[in-house]
Protein backbone atom coordinates (compact mmCIF):
# COMPACT_ATOMS: atom_id res chain seq x y z
CA MET A 1 56.79 174.84 -1.04
CA VAL A 2 59.75 173.24 1.29
CA ARG A 3 61.75 175.12 3.65
CA LEU A 4 64.07 174.52 6.30
CA GLU A 5 63.16 175.26 9.81
CA PRO A 6 66.07 175.60 12.33
CA ARG A 7 65.57 173.16 15.32
CA LEU A 8 65.27 175.50 18.67
CA VAL A 9 66.12 171.96 20.78
CA THR A 10 67.54 169.03 19.40
CA PRO A 11 66.87 165.64 21.13
CA ARG A 12 70.01 164.02 22.23
CA TRP A 13 69.21 160.59 20.28
CA LEU A 14 68.40 162.13 17.23
CA SER A 15 72.27 163.17 16.40
CA PRO A 16 73.20 159.40 16.22
CA ALA A 17 70.49 158.04 15.01
CA MET A 18 71.25 159.87 12.17
CA THR A 19 74.67 158.96 12.00
CA ILE A 20 73.24 155.56 11.68
CA ALA A 21 70.69 156.32 9.56
CA ALA A 22 72.94 158.01 7.23
CA VAL A 23 75.49 154.78 6.62
CA GLY A 24 72.67 152.58 6.48
CA VAL A 25 71.47 154.90 3.20
CA ALA A 26 75.04 154.91 2.25
CA LEU A 27 75.57 151.39 2.17
CA VAL A 28 72.07 151.03 0.19
CA ILE A 29 72.57 153.36 -2.33
CA SER A 30 76.31 151.69 -3.04
CA GLY A 31 74.65 148.33 -2.64
CA ALA A 32 72.22 149.99 -5.67
CA ILE A 33 75.66 150.57 -7.73
CA ILE A 34 77.50 147.88 -7.24
CA ALA A 35 74.26 145.86 -8.11
CA PHE A 36 73.89 147.99 -11.67
CA VAL A 37 76.87 147.29 -12.81
CA GLY A 38 76.61 143.62 -12.47
CA GLY A 39 77.82 142.26 -8.61
CA ASP A 40 75.99 141.13 -5.67
CA PRO A 41 75.38 143.99 -3.51
CA VAL A 42 75.25 140.98 -0.51
CA ALA A 43 78.23 138.84 -1.70
CA SER A 44 80.51 142.15 -1.38
CA TYR A 45 79.50 143.48 2.14
CA LEU A 46 79.53 139.63 3.52
CA HIS A 47 82.99 138.85 1.61
CA ILE A 48 84.13 142.87 3.24
CA LEU A 49 83.11 141.32 6.69
CA ASN A 50 84.75 137.83 6.26
CA ALA A 51 88.40 139.43 4.74
CA SER A 52 88.45 142.19 7.27
CA PHE A 53 86.84 140.41 10.89
CA GLY A 54 86.49 137.19 10.26
CA SER A 55 89.40 135.79 11.49
CA VAL A 56 92.33 136.88 14.57
CA GLY A 57 94.45 137.15 11.32
CA VAL A 58 92.52 139.30 9.19
CA LEU A 59 91.46 141.48 12.49
CA SER A 60 95.05 142.10 13.18
CA ASP A 61 95.54 143.60 9.35
CA THR A 62 92.51 145.57 9.93
CA LEU A 63 94.03 147.11 12.97
CA VAL A 64 96.85 148.08 10.66
CA LYS A 65 95.03 149.83 8.57
CA ALA A 66 93.07 151.18 11.14
CA THR A 67 95.99 152.86 13.52
CA PRO A 68 97.29 155.42 10.57
CA LEU A 69 93.46 156.17 10.51
CA ILE A 70 93.04 156.69 14.28
CA LEU A 71 95.96 158.96 14.07
CA THR A 72 94.99 161.23 10.70
CA GLY A 73 91.28 161.05 12.20
CA LEU A 74 92.04 162.29 16.04
CA ALA A 75 94.08 165.77 13.70
CA CYS A 76 91.23 166.00 11.88
CA ALA A 77 88.72 166.01 14.78
CA LEU A 78 90.84 168.32 17.13
CA ALA A 79 90.39 171.27 13.98
CA PHE A 80 87.14 170.40 13.31
CA ARG A 81 86.12 171.14 16.67
CA MET A 82 87.16 174.16 16.37
CA ARG A 83 85.16 174.95 12.53
CA LEU A 84 89.24 174.53 11.32
CA TRP A 85 88.71 172.74 8.41
CA ASN A 86 92.15 171.08 8.27
CA ILE A 87 92.00 169.09 4.90
CA GLY A 88 95.81 168.74 4.97
CA ALA A 89 96.24 165.76 7.27
CA GLU A 90 97.32 163.71 3.81
CA GLY A 91 100.54 166.30 4.03
CA GLN A 92 101.14 166.33 7.19
CA PHE A 93 101.25 162.60 7.67
CA LEU A 94 103.54 162.61 4.25
CA LEU A 95 105.57 164.88 5.70
CA GLY A 96 105.89 163.16 9.24
CA ALA A 97 107.02 159.66 7.20
CA TRP A 98 109.90 162.08 5.92
CA GLY A 99 110.93 163.23 9.10
CA ALA A 100 110.90 159.79 10.57
CA SER A 101 112.78 158.66 8.21
CA ALA A 102 115.32 161.53 7.98
CA VAL A 103 116.42 160.27 11.04
CA VAL A 104 118.13 157.13 10.12
CA LEU A 105 118.61 158.38 5.76
CA VAL A 106 120.59 161.36 6.42
CA PRO A 107 121.72 160.12 8.93
CA LEU A 108 120.95 162.40 12.11
CA VAL A 109 122.45 159.75 14.92
CA PRO A 110 125.10 156.97 13.96
CA ALA A 111 124.71 153.60 12.90
CA GLY A 112 123.74 151.07 15.55
CA THR A 113 121.61 153.43 17.36
CA PRO A 114 119.66 151.40 19.92
CA GLY A 115 115.46 151.35 19.27
CA ILE A 116 114.94 152.40 22.35
CA ILE A 117 116.77 155.96 21.76
CA LEU A 118 116.18 155.50 17.93
CA ILE A 119 112.27 155.17 18.06
CA PRO A 120 111.57 158.08 20.27
CA LEU A 121 113.67 160.26 18.18
CA MET A 122 111.66 159.21 14.66
CA MET A 123 108.44 159.84 16.81
CA ALA A 124 109.94 163.30 17.83
CA ALA A 125 111.06 164.06 14.10
CA GLY A 126 107.75 163.15 12.44
CA MET A 127 105.58 164.67 14.95
CA ILE A 128 107.96 167.94 14.23
CA ALA A 129 107.87 167.38 10.82
CA GLY A 130 103.69 167.62 10.71
CA ALA A 131 103.39 170.05 13.89
CA VAL A 132 105.31 172.72 10.98
CA TRP A 133 103.51 171.43 8.15
CA GLY A 134 100.48 172.36 10.06
CA LEU A 135 101.98 175.57 11.45
CA ILE A 136 102.06 177.06 7.53
CA PRO A 137 98.30 177.39 7.10
CA GLY A 138 97.28 177.96 10.76
CA VAL A 139 99.72 180.91 10.38
CA LEU A 140 98.00 182.29 7.07
CA ARG A 141 95.25 181.95 8.97
CA ALA A 142 95.54 183.85 11.97
CA ARG A 143 97.77 186.17 10.96
CA LEU A 144 96.48 187.19 7.15
CA GLY A 145 92.84 185.40 7.04
CA VAL A 146 93.78 183.15 4.20
CA ASN A 147 91.30 180.01 3.95
CA GLU A 148 92.67 177.15 5.91
CA ILE A 149 90.80 174.91 2.96
CA ILE A 150 92.56 176.09 0.59
CA THR A 151 95.90 176.34 2.12
CA THR A 152 96.05 173.06 3.86
CA LEU A 153 94.66 170.78 0.57
CA MET A 154 97.48 172.81 -1.90
CA LEU A 155 99.91 171.90 0.62
CA ASN A 156 99.12 168.18 0.10
CA TYR A 157 100.33 168.07 -3.36
CA VAL A 158 103.37 170.30 -2.40
CA ALA A 159 104.39 167.18 0.64
CA LEU A 160 103.81 164.88 -2.47
CA ALA A 161 105.89 166.24 -4.60
CA TRP A 162 108.82 166.68 -1.86
CA ILE A 163 108.52 163.19 -0.60
CA GLN A 164 109.09 162.10 -4.72
CA PHE A 165 112.00 164.08 -4.72
CA TRP A 166 113.92 162.21 -2.03
CA VAL A 167 112.63 159.05 -2.65
CA PHE A 168 113.28 159.44 -6.88
CA GLY A 169 116.64 160.92 -5.79
CA PRO A 170 118.94 161.31 -2.77
CA TRP A 171 117.49 158.46 -0.95
CA SER A 172 116.68 156.38 -3.72
CA GLN A 173 117.03 152.60 -3.43
CA GLY A 174 118.91 151.53 -7.60
CA GLY A 175 116.57 153.96 -8.70
CA PHE A 176 113.33 153.13 -7.46
CA GLN A 177 110.57 155.08 -5.54
CA GLN A 178 111.64 153.56 -2.79
CA THR A 179 114.46 154.10 -0.15
CA LYS A 180 116.43 151.11 1.43
CA PRO A 181 114.71 149.46 4.09
CA PHE A 182 115.59 150.56 8.05
CA PRO A 183 117.48 149.10 10.53
CA GLU A 184 115.66 146.50 12.50
CA ALA A 185 116.11 148.48 15.65
CA ALA A 186 113.98 151.39 14.02
CA TRP A 187 111.11 148.91 13.44
CA LEU A 188 107.73 149.70 15.76
CA PRO A 189 107.33 146.11 17.99
CA ARG A 190 104.39 143.65 16.32
CA LEU A 191 102.93 141.02 18.03
CA THR A 192 104.62 138.51 16.08
CA ASP A 193 107.51 139.30 17.45
CA PHE A 194 106.33 137.89 21.01
CA ALA A 195 105.65 135.12 19.56
CA ASP A 196 108.14 133.17 21.66
CA ILE A 197 106.29 134.32 24.59
CA VAL A 198 102.88 133.83 23.57
CA PRO A 199 102.39 131.26 20.38
CA ALA A 200 98.85 132.89 19.48
CA PHE A 201 100.61 135.90 18.48
CA GLY A 202 102.59 134.27 15.97
CA GLY A 203 101.72 135.86 12.49
CA LEU A 204 100.15 138.75 13.71
CA THR A 205 100.69 141.98 12.57
CA VAL A 206 99.63 144.59 14.62
CA HIS A 207 101.89 147.18 15.46
CA PHE A 208 102.93 149.15 18.67
CA GLY A 209 101.24 152.16 16.39
CA LEU A 210 98.57 150.98 17.88
CA VAL A 211 99.11 151.91 21.05
CA PHE A 212 100.27 155.31 19.77
CA GLY A 213 96.72 155.74 18.46
CA LEU A 214 94.86 154.59 21.33
CA VAL A 215 96.92 156.55 23.50
CA ALA A 216 96.42 160.00 22.08
CA ALA A 217 93.13 159.44 21.59
CA GLY A 218 92.77 159.19 25.29
CA LEU A 219 94.82 162.20 26.04
CA LEU A 220 93.16 163.99 23.58
CA TRP A 221 89.62 163.13 25.25
CA LEU A 222 91.38 164.44 28.48
CA PHE A 223 91.98 167.63 26.81
CA LEU A 224 89.54 168.49 24.97
CA GLU A 225 87.09 167.85 27.73
CA ARG A 226 88.91 168.61 30.98
CA SER A 227 91.52 171.17 30.08
CA ARG A 228 90.43 175.07 30.21
CA PHE A 229 92.66 175.06 26.56
CA GLY A 230 90.18 172.11 25.34
CA TYR A 231 87.04 174.22 26.86
CA GLU A 232 87.99 177.47 25.02
CA ILE A 233 88.62 175.48 21.38
CA ARG A 234 85.17 173.95 22.20
CA LEU A 235 83.93 177.61 22.88
CA ILE A 236 85.69 178.93 19.98
CA GLY A 237 84.13 176.17 17.66
CA ASP A 238 80.84 176.77 19.12
CA SER A 239 80.74 180.98 19.38
CA PRO A 240 83.60 182.63 18.33
CA ARG A 241 81.64 185.60 19.14
CA ALA A 242 81.23 184.86 22.63
CA ALA A 243 85.10 183.65 22.45
CA ARG A 244 85.86 186.94 21.87
CA TYR A 245 83.96 188.64 24.03
CA ALA A 246 85.48 186.20 26.80
CA GLY A 247 88.64 188.00 26.01
CA ILE A 248 90.01 184.48 24.19
CA ASP A 249 92.72 185.16 21.61
CA ILE A 250 91.36 183.20 18.96
CA GLY A 251 94.26 183.69 16.84
CA ARG A 252 96.58 182.45 19.01
CA ARG A 253 94.63 179.00 20.28
CA LEU A 254 93.94 178.37 15.96
CA ILE A 255 97.75 178.42 15.33
CA VAL A 256 98.32 175.94 18.55
CA VAL A 257 94.99 173.27 17.34
CA PHE A 258 97.14 173.66 14.02
CA ALA A 259 100.08 172.71 15.64
CA ILE A 260 98.99 169.65 17.76
CA SER A 261 96.66 168.66 14.71
CA GLY A 262 99.44 168.41 12.36
CA ALA A 263 101.20 166.47 15.15
CA LEU A 264 98.97 164.02 15.93
CA ALA A 265 98.91 163.64 11.61
CA GLY A 266 102.86 163.25 11.36
CA LEU A 267 102.93 160.50 14.24
CA ALA A 268 100.55 158.71 11.98
CA GLY A 269 103.51 159.08 9.08
CA MET A 270 106.17 157.69 11.44
CA SER A 271 103.78 154.68 12.54
CA GLU A 272 103.28 153.51 9.23
CA VAL A 273 107.16 153.80 7.97
CA ASN A 274 108.46 152.35 11.44
CA GLY A 275 105.30 149.83 12.11
CA ALA A 276 104.27 148.66 8.55
CA VAL A 277 106.78 149.76 5.89
CA HIS A 278 110.19 150.21 7.30
CA ARG A 279 111.09 152.30 4.88
CA LEU A 280 109.88 155.41 3.01
CA GLN A 281 107.70 154.85 -0.23
CA ASP A 282 106.16 157.11 -3.28
CA HIS A 283 102.90 155.76 -2.30
CA ILE A 284 103.03 155.09 1.35
CA SER A 285 99.68 156.65 1.77
CA PRO A 286 96.22 155.21 -0.06
CA GLY A 287 94.46 158.30 0.88
CA TYR A 288 94.73 158.04 4.74
CA GLY A 289 94.26 161.67 4.94
CA PHE A 290 91.59 162.23 3.32
CA THR A 291 89.51 159.35 4.90
CA ALA A 292 90.52 161.31 8.19
CA VAL A 293 87.95 163.72 7.13
CA ILE A 294 84.91 160.89 6.86
CA VAL A 295 86.44 159.03 10.27
CA ALA A 296 86.00 162.35 11.76
CA TYR A 297 82.87 163.43 10.62
CA LEU A 298 81.46 159.95 11.14
CA ALA A 299 82.68 160.11 14.84
CA LYS A 300 81.24 163.92 14.98
CA PHE A 301 84.43 164.61 16.04
CA ARG A 302 84.90 162.44 19.36
CA PRO A 303 88.32 161.13 19.91
CA GLY A 304 86.71 157.43 21.07
CA ARG A 305 84.25 157.49 18.40
CA VAL A 306 87.10 158.37 15.63
CA VAL A 307 88.90 155.04 17.06
CA VAL A 308 85.47 152.67 16.02
CA ALA A 309 85.12 154.66 13.01
CA ALA A 310 88.94 154.57 11.99
CA VAL A 311 88.87 150.46 12.29
CA LEU A 312 85.29 150.09 9.98
CA PHE A 313 87.36 152.43 7.60
CA GLY A 314 90.30 150.10 7.90
CA ALA A 315 88.30 147.12 7.25
CA LEU A 316 86.64 148.75 4.22
CA ILE A 317 90.55 149.63 2.65
CA LEU A 318 91.21 146.24 3.41
CA ALA A 319 89.04 144.09 2.13
CA GLY A 320 87.39 146.48 0.25
CA ARG A 321 90.74 145.97 -2.09
CA GLU A 322 89.67 142.31 -2.92
CA ILE A 323 86.34 143.48 -4.93
CA GLN A 324 87.86 146.01 -6.73
CA PRO A 325 91.68 147.96 -5.52
CA SER A 326 90.29 151.63 -5.78
CA GLY A 327 86.88 152.17 -7.26
CA VAL A 328 84.40 150.31 -4.56
CA PRO A 329 86.27 151.62 -1.41
CA ALA A 330 86.37 155.39 -2.98
CA MET A 331 82.86 154.58 -4.07
CA ILE A 332 81.14 153.77 -0.63
CA GLN A 333 83.66 156.81 1.51
CA GLY A 334 82.61 159.44 -0.65
CA ILE A 335 78.23 158.35 -0.40
CA ILE A 336 78.99 157.95 3.07
CA LEU A 337 80.41 161.13 3.92
CA PHE A 338 77.62 162.60 1.76
CA THR A 339 74.54 160.99 3.54
CA LEU A 340 76.42 162.44 6.57
CA ILE A 341 76.37 165.63 5.32
CA VAL A 342 72.79 165.10 4.63
CA GLY A 343 72.18 163.76 7.81
CA ASP A 344 73.69 166.85 9.97
CA VAL A 345 71.85 169.40 7.97
CA LEU A 346 68.42 167.25 9.31
CA VAL A 347 69.86 167.39 13.12
CA ARG A 348 70.18 171.40 12.74
CA TYR A 349 67.31 171.69 10.59
CA ARG A 350 63.59 170.77 10.23
CA VAL A 351 61.97 169.82 7.18
CA ARG A 352 58.47 171.49 6.67
CA PHE A 353 56.15 171.11 3.36
CA ASP A 354 53.76 174.48 3.05
CA ARG A 355 51.30 173.45 0.40
CA ASP A 356 49.90 176.75 0.60
CA GLY A 357 52.77 178.88 1.37
CA GLY A 358 51.98 180.86 -2.14
CA ALA A 359 48.58 181.45 -1.27
CA ALA A 360 49.31 182.35 2.41
CA ALA A 361 51.47 184.63 1.11
CA GLY A 362 49.30 186.39 -1.20
CA ALA A 363 46.40 186.85 1.17
CA ALA A 364 49.20 188.56 3.51
CA ALA A 365 50.14 191.17 0.75
CA THR A 366 46.15 191.87 -0.07
CA ALA A 367 45.75 192.69 3.74
CA SER A 368 48.66 194.55 3.78
CA GLY A 369 47.60 196.86 1.04
CA ALA A 370 43.73 196.78 2.74
CA GLY A 371 45.44 198.14 5.92
CA GLY A 372 47.91 200.87 4.02
């Protein structure tokens, strides 16, 4: 018989070791599938490394892809730390992109507004829109007990339909599924914009959104590890019963966490439209919000690790498209998530093999009957 026995003590090294092993197993399985369909797994992986880290230019492009993943990954990590399964970062990302776009497309400010005013306003609008989208499942869970997995997942499709209404309708440019370009004052600065000062920056596409992500990671770490509210969030995630005994208002904390999570995802949407695309499009996200779930899980919900995991998945998205536009990156992401879940189970439980389990059970029953 095979059974899982809860570990009484978990070695500190086991969790990171299991994470590394899970990623390694996922790459082996993915490589086997690539080989089965006639590809060369070694060449494929080498190509991914070269196309994402092989030069300063491609590293810059990788960081551009990683930027929205950092912010959406932080959004998921915060919620997951409290054991709130926010699967709606994709929708919150889209609403953040829409909110930022509304500032210049409605418009909410007069034409010619300088960037020093326009960009902070678009940041605020994107974060507010994302936070509102996050509040909906938060309030439903806290006040009515509605499962947040269902509501956040369904709201992703509502958000996409909302975006499509605007880009195909009132904001459409010539009937295409995109808006007109934003004014240059609304563009986030890029490294290439400073090539006159530092010639080596020429052609580098990294934009200021990366700074948003790094600052957000630092602030979220301080919030979770050095504040009373962060301690309460961790306590609720570890033991809701102990949190209730301590008098913590779980429902109120839940709503606040969902709002902050949505705001972070909304900031990711703003950074993408202002820093990379410079307009709102139908398919502005290739699934950043869904990939963020894997990023947060790989990072074990730690803000600093989210940055590293986001860069790795940004490389996979960027270089994987050259192998196959959607199949290979999505396959590897899915297998990594599966192996991470298996690894997490092995961290929490010890596998036991009882060869004489049936005989032992029979002997115990016989002894019990004799005693009676």
